[in-house]
Amino acid sequence: LAQKRHNCPGKTEMWHLIDTDPGAKIYAGLKKQITPEEYEARVADNTIMDDIADYDSAPGDTFFLPAGRIHAIGAGNLLAEIQQTSDITYRIYDYDRRDKDGNPRELHTAQAKDAIDYTVYPDYRSHPEGSLLAECQYFDVRRLQLTGDEKPIEHPRDSFTIIMCLDGSAEIINTTPAATGDAPSNGETFHITRGETLLFPATMTSLTARGTATLLTVQS
């Protein structure tokens, strides 16, 4: 649908919660079955949020959000958002907020009507086992816990690697073999601390992390 209407990809994404305030919520998916016509009516009378599933968020929670799933980030959430490269977002509700001139932001009610996935699932949270948080055709996201040790960065795709530091600090060492295959490139070391992100090109195919930190690694 995104290709047809906008000549660009859709927007599959995922969220990984880093920190939350008491009472913070994440909204994802429908909690009861509605029709496209009922969706339009609920947007019109400001009751659409009654049909959206909500979760008390906590650090470490993960939500995978395929394109078409209604979602919103409540106040008090600090999270990492990894998404398919796309410029398109359909806003279906804005809590009746107004700008400084008293005007509401544009809603995309009619466009979203055909884009929403109306399937109801029992749980929209992800329940990852091990280090793999999300994997789809668009991205691979893993969590790496360092406790003063040294670990290799998994590199399952022919892709750049993004490393985000969620807590603590670490050193990332480039151990990619030289072009001749005789020796590591030069052992370049990059420091990363909480809140920072590093982007390594696809030519760096071997990376090692050491320190005391929680890292996210992303490949596309």
N, C-alpha and C. Protein backbone atom coordinates (compact mmCIF):
# COMPACT_ATOMS: atom_id res chain seq x y z
N LEU A 1 0.82 -1.20 0.00
CA LEU A 1 0.00 0.00 0.00
C LEU A 1 0.87 1.26 0.00
N ALA A 2 1.95 1.25 0.79
CA ALA A 2 2.85 2.40 0.83
C ALA A 2 3.52 2.61 -0.53
N GLN A 3 3.91 1.52 -1.17
CA GLN A 3 4.52 1.64 -2.50
C GLN A 3 3.52 2.21 -3.49
N LYS A 4 2.29 1.74 -3.44
CA LYS A 4 1.27 2.17 -4.38
C LYS A 4 0.93 3.64 -4.20
N ARG A 5 0.78 4.06 -2.94
CA ARG A 5 0.35 5.43 -2.67
C ARG A 5 1.49 6.44 -2.64
N HIS A 6 2.66 6.03 -2.10
CA HIS A 6 3.71 7.00 -1.82
C HIS A 6 5.05 6.65 -2.46
N ASN A 7 5.10 5.53 -3.16
CA ASN A 7 6.34 5.09 -3.80
C ASN A 7 7.48 4.96 -2.78
N CYS A 8 7.16 4.41 -1.62
CA CYS A 8 8.17 4.18 -0.60
C CYS A 8 7.76 2.95 0.21
N PRO A 9 8.69 2.40 1.03
CA PRO A 9 8.35 1.22 1.83
C PRO A 9 7.36 1.56 2.95
N GLY A 10 6.80 0.51 3.53
CA GLY A 10 6.00 0.68 4.73
C GLY A 10 6.89 0.91 5.94
N LYS A 11 6.33 0.78 7.16
CA LYS A 11 7.13 1.08 8.34
C LYS A 11 6.93 0.03 9.43
N THR A 12 7.56 -1.12 9.23
CA THR A 12 7.66 -2.09 10.31
C THR A 12 8.70 -1.59 11.30
N GLU A 13 8.43 -1.72 12.60
CA GLU A 13 9.38 -1.21 13.60
C GLU A 13 9.32 -2.06 14.86
N MET A 14 10.21 -1.73 15.80
CA MET A 14 10.19 -2.37 17.10
C MET A 14 10.63 -1.37 18.15
N TRP A 15 10.15 -1.59 19.38
CA TRP A 15 10.54 -0.75 20.52
C TRP A 15 11.16 -1.64 21.59
N HIS A 16 12.23 -1.15 22.20
CA HIS A 16 12.82 -1.80 23.37
C HIS A 16 12.90 -0.77 24.47
N LEU A 17 12.21 -1.02 25.58
CA LEU A 17 12.12 -0.05 26.67
C LEU A 17 13.42 -0.01 27.47
N ILE A 18 13.93 1.21 27.66
CA ILE A 18 15.17 1.42 28.41
C ILE A 18 14.86 1.86 29.84
N ASP A 19 13.95 2.82 29.98
CA ASP A 19 13.58 3.31 31.30
C ASP A 19 12.13 3.78 31.25
N THR A 20 11.44 3.69 32.39
CA THR A 20 10.03 4.09 32.43
C THR A 20 9.72 4.77 33.75
N ASP A 21 8.79 5.72 33.70
CA ASP A 21 8.26 6.34 34.91
C ASP A 21 7.10 5.50 35.44
N PRO A 22 6.78 5.62 36.72
CA PRO A 22 5.61 4.91 37.24
C PRO A 22 4.34 5.31 36.47
N GLY A 23 3.57 4.32 36.11
CA GLY A 23 2.33 4.58 35.39
C GLY A 23 2.47 4.75 33.89
N ALA A 24 3.69 4.67 33.36
CA ALA A 24 3.90 4.83 31.92
C ALA A 24 3.25 3.66 31.16
N LYS A 25 2.75 3.97 29.98
CA LYS A 25 2.05 2.95 29.20
C LYS A 25 2.53 2.93 27.74
N ILE A 26 2.41 1.76 27.16
CA ILE A 26 2.62 1.55 25.73
C ILE A 26 1.29 1.07 25.14
N TYR A 27 0.93 1.59 23.98
CA TYR A 27 -0.30 1.22 23.31
C TYR A 27 0.07 0.50 22.01
N ALA A 28 -0.50 -0.69 21.82
CA ALA A 28 -0.16 -1.46 20.61
C ALA A 28 -1.28 -2.44 20.28
N GLY A 29 -1.82 -2.32 19.08
CA GLY A 29 -2.81 -3.28 18.61
C GLY A 29 -4.21 -3.04 19.15
N LEU A 30 -5.15 -3.76 18.60
CA LEU A 30 -6.55 -3.68 19.02
C LEU A 30 -6.85 -4.71 20.10
N LYS A 31 -7.65 -4.33 21.09
CA LYS A 31 -8.01 -5.28 22.13
C LYS A 31 -9.38 -5.92 21.89
N LYS A 32 -10.10 -5.41 20.89
CA LYS A 32 -11.35 -6.07 20.50
C LYS A 32 -11.57 -5.83 19.02
N GLN A 33 -12.34 -6.71 18.42
CA GLN A 33 -12.57 -6.65 16.98
C GLN A 33 -13.45 -5.46 16.61
N ILE A 34 -13.01 -4.68 15.66
CA ILE A 34 -13.83 -3.60 15.11
C ILE A 34 -13.70 -3.63 13.59
N THR A 35 -14.67 -3.06 12.93
CA THR A 35 -14.65 -2.98 11.48
C THR A 35 -14.01 -1.66 11.05
N PRO A 36 -13.62 -1.52 9.80
CA PRO A 36 -13.10 -0.24 9.33
C PRO A 36 -14.10 0.90 9.54
N GLU A 37 -15.37 0.62 9.38
CA GLU A 37 -16.39 1.66 9.58
C GLU A 37 -16.49 2.05 11.06
N GLU A 38 -16.38 1.07 11.95
CA GLU A 38 -16.39 1.36 13.39
C GLU A 38 -15.15 2.17 13.79
N TYR A 39 -14.02 1.85 13.19
CA TYR A 39 -12.80 2.63 13.43
C TYR A 39 -13.03 4.10 13.10
N GLU A 40 -13.59 4.38 11.93
CA GLU A 40 -13.85 5.77 11.54
C GLU A 40 -14.77 6.47 12.54
N ALA A 41 -15.81 5.77 12.97
CA ALA A 41 -16.77 6.36 13.91
C ALA A 41 -16.12 6.66 15.25
N ARG A 42 -15.23 5.78 15.71
CA ARG A 42 -14.57 5.98 17.00
C ARG A 42 -13.56 7.13 16.95
N VAL A 43 -12.92 7.29 15.82
CA VAL A 43 -12.04 8.46 15.66
C VAL A 43 -12.88 9.74 15.70
N ALA A 44 -14.01 9.72 15.04
CA ALA A 44 -14.86 10.90 14.97
C ALA A 44 -15.41 11.30 16.33
N ASP A 45 -15.71 10.32 17.19
CA ASP A 45 -16.28 10.69 18.50
C ASP A 45 -15.26 10.57 19.64
N ASN A 46 -13.96 10.50 19.28
CA ASN A 46 -12.87 10.52 20.27
C ASN A 46 -12.89 9.33 21.23
N THR A 47 -13.33 8.17 20.76
CA THR A 47 -13.34 6.99 21.63
C THR A 47 -12.42 5.88 21.12
N ILE A 48 -11.59 6.17 20.12
CA ILE A 48 -10.75 5.13 19.53
C ILE A 48 -9.79 4.52 20.54
N MET A 49 -9.32 5.31 21.52
CA MET A 49 -8.37 4.77 22.50
C MET A 49 -8.99 3.68 23.37
N ASP A 50 -10.31 3.65 23.46
CA ASP A 50 -10.98 2.60 24.22
C ASP A 50 -10.76 1.23 23.60
N ASP A 51 -10.41 1.19 22.31
CA ASP A 51 -10.25 -0.08 21.59
C ASP A 51 -8.79 -0.49 21.42
N ILE A 52 -7.86 0.34 21.89
CA ILE A 52 -6.44 0.05 21.72
C ILE A 52 -5.90 -0.65 22.96
N ALA A 53 -5.19 -1.75 22.77
CA ALA A 53 -4.60 -2.48 23.89
C ALA A 53 -3.51 -1.63 24.54
N ASP A 54 -3.46 -1.62 25.87
CA ASP A 54 -2.45 -0.82 26.57
C ASP A 54 -1.72 -1.69 27.58
N TYR A 55 -0.46 -1.34 27.84
CA TYR A 55 0.41 -2.12 28.71
C TYR A 55 1.15 -1.18 29.66
N ASP A 56 1.22 -1.56 30.93
CA ASP A 56 2.11 -0.88 31.86
C ASP A 56 3.53 -1.24 31.46
N SER A 57 4.31 -0.25 31.08
CA SER A 57 5.63 -0.55 30.53
C SER A 57 6.68 -0.66 31.63
N ALA A 58 7.73 -1.43 31.33
CA ALA A 58 8.83 -1.64 32.26
C ALA A 58 10.12 -1.78 31.47
N PRO A 59 11.25 -1.38 32.04
CA PRO A 59 12.53 -1.54 31.33
C PRO A 59 12.72 -2.99 30.88
N GLY A 60 13.15 -3.16 29.65
CA GLY A 60 13.36 -4.49 29.10
C GLY A 60 12.21 -4.99 28.25
N ASP A 61 11.04 -4.36 28.35
CA ASP A 61 9.92 -4.76 27.50
C ASP A 61 10.26 -4.53 26.02
N THR A 62 9.75 -5.41 25.17
CA THR A 62 9.99 -5.30 23.73
C THR A 62 8.67 -5.46 23.00
N PHE A 63 8.46 -4.60 22.01
CA PHE A 63 7.25 -4.67 21.18
C PHE A 63 7.68 -4.69 19.71
N PHE A 64 7.25 -5.71 18.99
CA PHE A 64 7.47 -5.77 17.54
C PHE A 64 6.20 -5.26 16.87
N LEU A 65 6.34 -4.31 15.95
CA LEU A 65 5.20 -3.61 15.38
C LEU A 65 5.24 -3.69 13.86
N PRO A 66 4.65 -4.74 13.29
CA PRO A 66 4.61 -4.81 11.83
C PRO A 66 3.78 -3.68 11.25
N ALA A 67 4.11 -3.26 10.04
CA ALA A 67 3.36 -2.19 9.39
C ALA A 67 1.88 -2.51 9.42
N GLY A 68 1.07 -1.51 9.79
CA GLY A 68 -0.37 -1.71 9.87
C GLY A 68 -0.90 -1.84 11.28
N ARG A 69 -0.02 -2.05 12.25
CA ARG A 69 -0.47 -2.19 13.64
C ARG A 69 -0.54 -0.81 14.30
N ILE A 70 -1.68 -0.47 14.85
CA ILE A 70 -1.84 0.79 15.57
C ILE A 70 -0.91 0.78 16.79
N HIS A 71 -0.23 1.90 17.04
CA HIS A 71 0.68 1.96 18.17
C HIS A 71 0.91 3.40 18.61
N ALA A 72 1.23 3.56 19.88
CA ALA A 72 1.53 4.89 20.43
C ALA A 72 2.39 4.73 21.68
N ILE A 73 3.27 5.70 21.89
CA ILE A 73 4.14 5.72 23.06
C ILE A 73 3.54 6.68 24.08
N GLY A 74 3.18 6.17 25.25
CA GLY A 74 2.67 7.03 26.31
C GLY A 74 3.80 7.84 26.95
N ALA A 75 3.41 8.86 27.72
CA ALA A 75 4.40 9.69 28.41
C ALA A 75 5.17 8.85 29.43
N GLY A 76 6.43 9.22 29.66
CA GLY A 76 7.23 8.57 30.68
C GLY A 76 7.99 7.35 30.22
N ASN A 77 8.15 7.18 28.91
CA ASN A 77 8.89 6.04 28.36
C ASN A 77 10.15 6.52 27.64
N LEU A 78 11.27 5.92 27.97
CA LEU A 78 12.50 6.10 27.21
C LEU A 78 12.77 4.78 26.52
N LEU A 79 12.84 4.81 25.19
CA LEU A 79 12.98 3.55 24.46
C LEU A 79 13.86 3.70 23.23
N ALA A 80 14.36 2.56 22.78
CA ALA A 80 15.07 2.49 21.50
C ALA A 80 14.06 2.10 20.44
N GLU A 81 14.01 2.85 19.35
CA GLU A 81 13.08 2.58 18.25
C GLU A 81 13.88 2.24 17.01
N ILE A 82 13.68 1.04 16.51
CA ILE A 82 14.35 0.60 15.28
C ILE A 82 13.26 0.37 14.25
N GLN A 83 13.41 0.96 13.07
CA GLN A 83 12.33 0.85 12.11
C GLN A 83 12.84 0.75 10.68
N GLN A 84 11.99 0.18 9.86
CA GLN A 84 12.21 0.14 8.42
C GLN A 84 12.30 1.58 7.91
N THR A 85 13.18 1.82 6.97
CA THR A 85 13.35 3.16 6.43
C THR A 85 12.11 3.57 5.64
N SER A 86 11.39 4.56 6.16
CA SER A 86 10.16 5.02 5.51
C SER A 86 9.84 6.42 5.98
N ASP A 87 9.26 7.22 5.09
CA ASP A 87 8.87 8.58 5.43
C ASP A 87 7.38 8.69 5.75
N ILE A 88 6.66 7.57 5.78
CA ILE A 88 5.21 7.62 5.88
C ILE A 88 4.72 7.22 7.27
N THR A 89 3.92 8.07 7.87
CA THR A 89 3.20 7.76 9.10
C THR A 89 1.77 8.25 8.95
N TYR A 90 0.81 7.41 9.30
CA TYR A 90 -0.59 7.83 9.31
C TYR A 90 -0.99 8.11 10.76
N ARG A 91 -1.37 9.34 11.02
CA ARG A 91 -1.82 9.73 12.36
C ARG A 91 -3.33 9.54 12.43
N ILE A 92 -3.79 8.64 13.31
CA ILE A 92 -5.22 8.37 13.38
C ILE A 92 -5.90 9.07 14.55
N TYR A 93 -5.10 9.55 15.51
CA TYR A 93 -5.69 10.22 16.68
C TYR A 93 -4.62 11.09 17.31
N ASP A 94 -5.03 12.24 17.87
CA ASP A 94 -4.05 13.15 18.46
C ASP A 94 -4.53 13.70 19.81
N TYR A 95 -5.39 12.97 20.48
CA TYR A 95 -5.84 13.33 21.84
C TYR A 95 -6.47 14.73 21.88
N ASP A 96 -6.97 15.17 20.74
CA ASP A 96 -7.60 16.48 20.63
C ASP A 96 -6.65 17.62 21.02
N ARG A 97 -5.35 17.42 20.80
CA ARG A 97 -4.38 18.48 21.08
C ARG A 97 -4.46 19.57 20.02
N ARG A 98 -4.08 20.78 20.41
CA ARG A 98 -4.13 21.92 19.51
C ARG A 98 -2.77 22.61 19.46
N ASP A 99 -2.50 23.27 18.32
CA ASP A 99 -1.26 24.05 18.23
C ASP A 99 -1.48 25.43 18.86
N LYS A 100 -0.48 26.29 18.77
CA LYS A 100 -0.55 27.61 19.43
C LYS A 100 -1.68 28.48 18.88
N ASP A 101 -2.15 28.13 17.68
CA ASP A 101 -3.25 28.89 17.08
C ASP A 101 -4.60 28.21 17.30
N GLY A 102 -4.60 27.13 18.07
CA GLY A 102 -5.85 26.44 18.37
C GLY A 102 -6.30 25.46 17.31
N ASN A 103 -5.41 25.13 16.37
CA ASN A 103 -5.78 24.22 15.28
C ASN A 103 -5.30 22.80 15.58
N PRO A 104 -6.11 21.79 15.27
CA PRO A 104 -5.66 20.40 15.46
C PRO A 104 -4.68 19.99 14.37
N ARG A 105 -3.81 19.03 14.69
CA ARG A 105 -2.93 18.49 13.66
C ARG A 105 -3.74 17.62 12.69
N GLU A 106 -3.22 17.49 11.48
CA GLU A 106 -3.91 16.71 10.46
C GLU A 106 -3.99 15.24 10.86
N LEU A 107 -5.15 14.66 10.70
CA LEU A 107 -5.33 13.23 10.86
C LEU A 107 -5.44 12.57 9.49
N HIS A 108 -5.11 11.29 9.42
CA HIS A 108 -5.14 10.56 8.15
C HIS A 108 -6.15 9.41 8.26
N THR A 109 -7.35 9.77 8.67
CA THR A 109 -8.38 8.78 8.98
C THR A 109 -8.71 7.91 7.77
N ALA A 110 -8.99 8.52 6.65
CA ALA A 110 -9.40 7.76 5.47
C ALA A 110 -8.25 6.90 4.94
N GLN A 111 -7.02 7.46 4.90
CA GLN A 111 -5.89 6.69 4.40
C GLN A 111 -5.60 5.48 5.28
N ALA A 112 -5.68 5.69 6.60
CA ALA A 112 -5.36 4.61 7.53
C ALA A 112 -6.41 3.51 7.53
N LYS A 113 -7.61 3.83 7.14
CA LYS A 113 -8.71 2.84 7.15
C LYS A 113 -8.32 1.58 6.39
N ASP A 114 -7.63 1.75 5.27
CA ASP A 114 -7.23 0.60 4.45
C ASP A 114 -5.88 0.03 4.86
N ALA A 115 -5.15 0.73 5.71
CA ALA A 115 -3.80 0.31 6.07
C ALA A 115 -3.74 -0.45 7.38
N ILE A 116 -4.75 -0.30 8.23
CA ILE A 116 -4.74 -0.90 9.56
C ILE A 116 -4.93 -2.42 9.47
N ASP A 117 -4.18 -3.14 10.30
CA ASP A 117 -4.40 -4.57 10.49
C ASP A 117 -5.42 -4.71 11.63
N TYR A 118 -6.61 -5.16 11.30
CA TYR A 118 -7.69 -5.25 12.29
C TYR A 118 -7.70 -6.58 13.06
N THR A 119 -6.69 -7.41 12.84
CA THR A 119 -6.60 -8.67 13.56
C THR A 119 -6.35 -8.42 15.04
N VAL A 120 -7.05 -9.15 15.89
CA VAL A 120 -6.88 -9.03 17.34
C VAL A 120 -6.03 -10.20 17.85
N TYR A 121 -4.96 -9.88 18.58
CA TYR A 121 -4.08 -10.89 19.15
C TYR A 121 -4.17 -10.85 20.67
N PRO A 122 -3.90 -11.97 21.35
CA PRO A 122 -4.01 -11.98 22.82
C PRO A 122 -2.93 -11.17 23.52
N ASP A 123 -1.77 -11.00 22.88
CA ASP A 123 -0.67 -10.27 23.51
C ASP A 123 0.19 -9.66 22.42
N TYR A 124 0.43 -8.35 22.51
CA TYR A 124 1.22 -7.67 21.49
C TYR A 124 2.66 -7.46 21.93
N ARG A 125 2.98 -7.85 23.15
CA ARG A 125 4.37 -7.78 23.58
C ARG A 125 5.16 -8.92 22.96
N SER A 126 6.45 -8.69 22.76
CA SER A 126 7.33 -9.77 22.35
C SER A 126 7.86 -10.45 23.60
N HIS A 127 8.19 -11.72 23.48
CA HIS A 127 8.76 -12.47 24.60
C HIS A 127 10.03 -13.16 24.11
N PRO A 128 11.07 -12.36 23.84
CA PRO A 128 12.29 -12.93 23.27
C PRO A 128 13.01 -13.83 24.26
N GLU A 129 13.64 -14.85 23.72
CA GLU A 129 14.48 -15.74 24.52
C GLU A 129 15.92 -15.55 24.07
N GLY A 130 16.80 -15.38 25.02
CA GLY A 130 18.19 -15.15 24.68
C GLY A 130 18.43 -13.74 24.21
N SER A 131 19.41 -13.56 23.34
CA SER A 131 19.85 -12.23 22.96
C SER A 131 19.05 -11.62 21.82
N LEU A 132 18.35 -12.44 21.03
CA LEU A 132 17.65 -11.94 19.85
C LEU A 132 16.33 -11.30 20.25
N LEU A 133 16.21 -9.98 20.06
CA LEU A 133 15.00 -9.25 20.42
C LEU A 133 14.00 -9.16 19.29
N ALA A 134 14.48 -9.01 18.06
CA ALA A 134 13.58 -8.89 16.91
C ALA A 134 14.34 -9.30 15.66
N GLU A 135 13.64 -10.01 14.78
CA GLU A 135 14.24 -10.43 13.52
C GLU A 135 13.16 -10.46 12.45
N CYS A 136 13.38 -9.73 11.39
CA CYS A 136 12.48 -9.73 10.25
C CYS A 136 13.30 -9.42 9.01
N GLN A 137 12.64 -9.30 7.87
CA GLN A 137 13.40 -9.07 6.64
C GLN A 137 14.05 -7.69 6.61
N TYR A 138 13.63 -6.79 7.51
CA TYR A 138 14.12 -5.42 7.48
C TYR A 138 15.23 -5.14 8.48
N PHE A 139 15.25 -5.87 9.59
CA PHE A 139 16.28 -5.62 10.60
C PHE A 139 16.42 -6.81 11.55
N ASP A 140 17.58 -6.83 12.20
CA ASP A 140 17.93 -7.84 13.19
C ASP A 140 18.42 -7.07 14.41
N VAL A 141 17.77 -7.27 15.57
CA VAL A 141 18.12 -6.52 16.78
C VAL A 141 18.47 -7.50 17.89
N ARG A 142 19.64 -7.31 18.50
CA ARG A 142 20.11 -8.19 19.56
C ARG A 142 20.55 -7.38 20.78
N ARG A 143 20.44 -7.99 21.94
CA ARG A 143 20.85 -7.37 23.20
C ARG A 143 22.10 -8.09 23.68
N LEU A 144 23.12 -7.32 24.01
CA LEU A 144 24.40 -7.89 24.46
C LEU A 144 24.71 -7.36 25.85
N GLN A 145 24.82 -8.27 26.82
CA GLN A 145 25.12 -7.88 28.20
C GLN A 145 26.59 -8.16 28.48
N LEU A 146 27.31 -7.12 28.88
CA LEU A 146 28.71 -7.26 29.24
C LEU A 146 28.86 -7.06 30.74
N THR A 147 29.58 -7.94 31.38
CA THR A 147 29.79 -7.84 32.83
C THR A 147 31.29 -7.83 33.14
N GLY A 148 31.97 -6.88 32.50
CA GLY A 148 33.41 -6.79 32.69
C GLY A 148 34.19 -7.74 31.81
N ASP A 149 33.52 -8.36 30.86
CA ASP A 149 34.16 -9.35 30.00
C ASP A 149 34.24 -8.85 28.57
N GLU A 150 34.63 -9.75 27.68
CA GLU A 150 34.77 -9.42 26.26
C GLU A 150 33.97 -10.42 25.45
N LYS A 151 33.16 -9.91 24.51
CA LYS A 151 32.31 -10.78 23.70
C LYS A 151 32.32 -10.32 22.25
N PRO A 152 32.21 -11.25 21.30
CA PRO A 152 32.10 -10.85 19.89
C PRO A 152 30.70 -10.29 19.59
N ILE A 153 30.64 -9.36 18.65
CA ILE A 153 29.36 -8.84 18.16
C ILE A 153 28.90 -9.77 17.04
N GLU A 154 27.72 -10.35 17.20
CA GLU A 154 27.20 -11.23 16.15
C GLU A 154 26.96 -10.43 14.88
N HIS A 155 27.26 -11.04 13.74
CA HIS A 155 27.15 -10.34 12.46
C HIS A 155 26.47 -11.26 11.45
N PRO A 156 25.15 -11.51 11.63
CA PRO A 156 24.46 -12.48 10.76
C PRO A 156 24.11 -11.95 9.38
N ARG A 157 24.23 -10.65 9.16
CA ARG A 157 23.82 -10.08 7.87
C ARG A 157 24.97 -9.32 7.23
N ASP A 158 24.91 -9.23 5.91
CA ASP A 158 25.87 -8.42 5.17
C ASP A 158 25.38 -6.97 5.25
N SER A 159 25.70 -6.31 6.34
CA SER A 159 25.06 -5.03 6.66
C SER A 159 25.99 -4.18 7.51
N PHE A 160 25.72 -2.89 7.52
CA PHE A 160 26.29 -2.03 8.55
C PHE A 160 25.86 -2.57 9.92
N THR A 161 26.53 -2.15 10.98
CA THR A 161 26.14 -2.52 12.34
C THR A 161 26.00 -1.25 13.17
N ILE A 162 24.83 -1.07 13.78
CA ILE A 162 24.60 0.02 14.72
C ILE A 162 24.70 -0.56 16.12
N ILE A 163 25.46 0.10 16.98
CA ILE A 163 25.57 -0.31 18.37
C ILE A 163 25.10 0.84 19.25
N MET A 164 24.10 0.55 20.08
CA MET A 164 23.55 1.53 21.01
C MET A 164 23.88 1.10 22.43
N CYS A 165 24.36 2.03 23.24
CA CYS A 165 24.68 1.72 24.62
C CYS A 165 23.51 2.14 25.51
N LEU A 166 22.85 1.17 26.13
CA LEU A 166 21.70 1.45 26.98
C LEU A 166 22.10 1.73 28.42
N ASP A 167 23.24 1.18 28.84
CA ASP A 167 23.68 1.36 30.21
C ASP A 167 25.17 1.03 30.29
N GLY A 168 25.88 1.71 31.20
CA GLY A 168 27.29 1.43 31.40
C GLY A 168 28.15 2.02 30.30
N SER A 169 29.29 1.39 30.06
CA SER A 169 30.20 1.84 29.00
C SER A 169 31.01 0.65 28.51
N ALA A 170 31.50 0.77 27.28
CA ALA A 170 32.23 -0.34 26.68
C ALA A 170 33.20 0.18 25.63
N GLU A 171 34.10 -0.69 25.23
CA GLU A 171 34.97 -0.44 24.09
C GLU A 171 34.58 -1.42 22.98
N ILE A 172 34.49 -0.89 21.78
CA ILE A 172 34.21 -1.72 20.60
C ILE A 172 35.50 -1.78 19.78
N ILE A 173 35.97 -2.99 19.55
CA ILE A 173 37.24 -3.19 18.86
C ILE A 173 36.99 -3.76 17.48
N ASN A 174 37.59 -3.13 16.48
CA ASN A 174 37.48 -3.62 15.11
C ASN A 174 38.52 -4.72 14.90
N THR A 175 38.07 -5.95 14.77
CA THR A 175 38.97 -7.09 14.57
C THR A 175 38.81 -7.69 13.17
N THR A 176 38.30 -6.88 12.25
CA THR A 176 38.11 -7.34 10.87
C THR A 176 39.46 -7.67 10.24
N PRO A 177 39.59 -8.85 9.63
CA PRO A 177 40.85 -9.18 8.97
C PRO A 177 41.19 -8.17 7.87
N ALA A 178 42.48 -7.97 7.67
CA ALA A 178 42.92 -7.10 6.58
C ALA A 178 42.53 -7.72 5.25
N ALA A 179 42.62 -6.91 4.20
CA ALA A 179 42.21 -7.38 2.87
C ALA A 179 42.96 -8.63 2.45
N THR A 180 44.21 -8.77 2.89
CA THR A 180 45.00 -9.94 2.53
C THR A 180 44.60 -11.17 3.33
N GLY A 181 43.87 -10.94 4.43
CA GLY A 181 43.49 -12.05 5.29
C GLY A 181 44.59 -12.48 6.23
N ASP A 182 45.70 -11.71 6.26
CA ASP A 182 46.86 -12.11 7.06
C ASP A 182 46.75 -11.69 8.52
N ALA A 183 46.05 -10.56 8.78
CA ALA A 183 46.06 -10.03 10.14
C ALA A 183 44.85 -9.14 10.34
N PRO A 184 44.49 -8.88 11.61
CA PRO A 184 43.41 -7.92 11.86
C PRO A 184 43.76 -6.56 11.27
N SER A 185 42.73 -5.75 10.99
CA SER A 185 42.94 -4.47 10.32
C SER A 185 43.94 -3.62 11.06
N ASN A 186 43.60 -3.16 12.23
CA ASN A 186 44.57 -2.41 13.04
C ASN A 186 44.12 -2.31 14.50
N GLY A 187 43.10 -3.07 14.87
CA GLY A 187 42.66 -3.06 16.25
C GLY A 187 42.08 -1.74 16.71
N GLU A 188 41.49 -0.98 15.79
CA GLU A 188 40.88 0.29 16.18
C GLU A 188 39.90 0.07 17.32
N THR A 189 39.91 0.96 18.29
CA THR A 189 39.03 0.85 19.45
C THR A 189 38.18 2.10 19.57
N PHE A 190 36.89 1.90 19.80
CA PHE A 190 35.94 3.01 19.90
C PHE A 190 35.23 2.90 21.25
N HIS A 191 35.16 4.01 21.97
CA HIS A 191 34.51 4.02 23.29
C HIS A 191 33.05 4.43 23.12
N ILE A 192 32.18 3.76 23.87
CA ILE A 192 30.76 4.09 23.85
C ILE A 192 30.23 4.06 25.28
N THR A 193 29.36 5.01 25.61
CA THR A 193 28.78 5.07 26.94
C THR A 193 27.27 5.29 26.84
N ARG A 194 26.60 5.23 27.96
CA ARG A 194 25.13 5.28 27.99
C ARG A 194 24.58 6.46 27.18
N GLY A 195 23.64 6.15 26.28
CA GLY A 195 23.01 7.18 25.46
C GLY A 195 23.70 7.43 24.14
N GLU A 196 24.83 6.79 23.90
CA GLU A 196 25.56 7.00 22.66
C GLU A 196 25.31 5.86 21.67
N THR A 197 25.50 6.18 20.39
CA THR A 197 25.29 5.22 19.30
C THR A 197 26.47 5.28 18.34
N LEU A 198 26.93 4.13 17.90
CA LEU A 198 28.00 4.05 16.91
C LEU A 198 27.47 3.32 15.67
N LEU A 199 27.91 3.78 14.51
CA LEU A 199 27.56 3.13 13.24
C LEU A 199 28.84 2.64 12.58
N PHE A 200 28.91 1.33 12.35
CA PHE A 200 30.06 0.72 11.70
C PHE A 200 29.67 0.27 10.30
N PRO A 201 30.48 0.58 9.29
CA PRO A 201 30.13 0.20 7.91
C PRO A 201 30.18 -1.31 7.73
N ALA A 202 29.57 -1.77 6.65
CA ALA A 202 29.48 -3.20 6.38
C ALA A 202 30.85 -3.83 6.15
N THR A 203 31.84 -3.02 5.81
CA THR A 203 33.18 -3.56 5.60
C THR A 203 33.83 -4.02 6.90
N MET A 204 33.33 -3.53 8.04
CA MET A 204 33.83 -4.01 9.34
C MET A 204 33.00 -5.22 9.73
N THR A 205 33.47 -6.38 9.37
CA THR A 205 32.69 -7.61 9.52
C THR A 205 32.97 -8.34 10.82
N SER A 206 33.93 -7.87 11.61
CA SER A 206 34.26 -8.53 12.87
C SER A 206 34.50 -7.47 13.93
N LEU A 207 33.63 -7.45 14.95
CA LEU A 207 33.72 -6.48 16.03
C LEU A 207 33.64 -7.22 17.35
N THR A 208 34.36 -6.72 18.34
CA THR A 208 34.35 -7.30 19.68
C THR A 208 34.06 -6.19 20.68
N ALA A 209 33.26 -6.52 21.69
CA ALA A 209 32.92 -5.54 22.73
C ALA A 209 33.47 -6.00 24.07
N ARG A 210 33.95 -5.04 24.85
CA ARG A 210 34.40 -5.38 26.20
C ARG A 210 34.05 -4.23 27.14
N GLY A 211 33.75 -4.57 28.37
CA GLY A 211 33.40 -3.56 29.36
C GLY A 211 32.27 -4.05 30.24
N THR A 212 31.59 -3.09 30.86
CA THR A 212 30.42 -3.37 31.69
C THR A 212 29.29 -2.52 31.13
N ALA A 213 28.40 -3.15 30.38
CA ALA A 213 27.40 -2.37 29.64
C ALA A 213 26.28 -3.26 29.15
N THR A 214 25.18 -2.62 28.80
CA THR A 214 24.10 -3.25 28.06
C THR A 214 24.05 -2.61 26.70
N LEU A 215 24.22 -3.40 25.65
CA LEU A 215 24.27 -2.88 24.28
C LEU A 215 23.14 -3.46 23.45
N LEU A 216 22.68 -2.66 22.48
CA LEU A 216 21.82 -3.18 21.43
C LEU A 216 22.61 -3.14 20.14
N THR A 217 22.52 -4.20 19.35
CA THR A 217 23.15 -4.20 18.03
C THR A 217 22.04 -4.35 16.98
N VAL A 218 22.17 -3.56 15.92
CA VAL A 218 21.15 -3.51 14.87
C VAL A 218 21.82 -3.71 13.52
N GLN A 219 21.26 -4.60 12.71
CA GLN A 219 21.69 -4.77 11.33
C GLN A 219 20.46 -4.79 10.43
N SER A 220 20.66 -4.37 9.19
CA SER A 220 19.53 -4.24 8.27
C SER A 220 19.70 -5.17 7.09
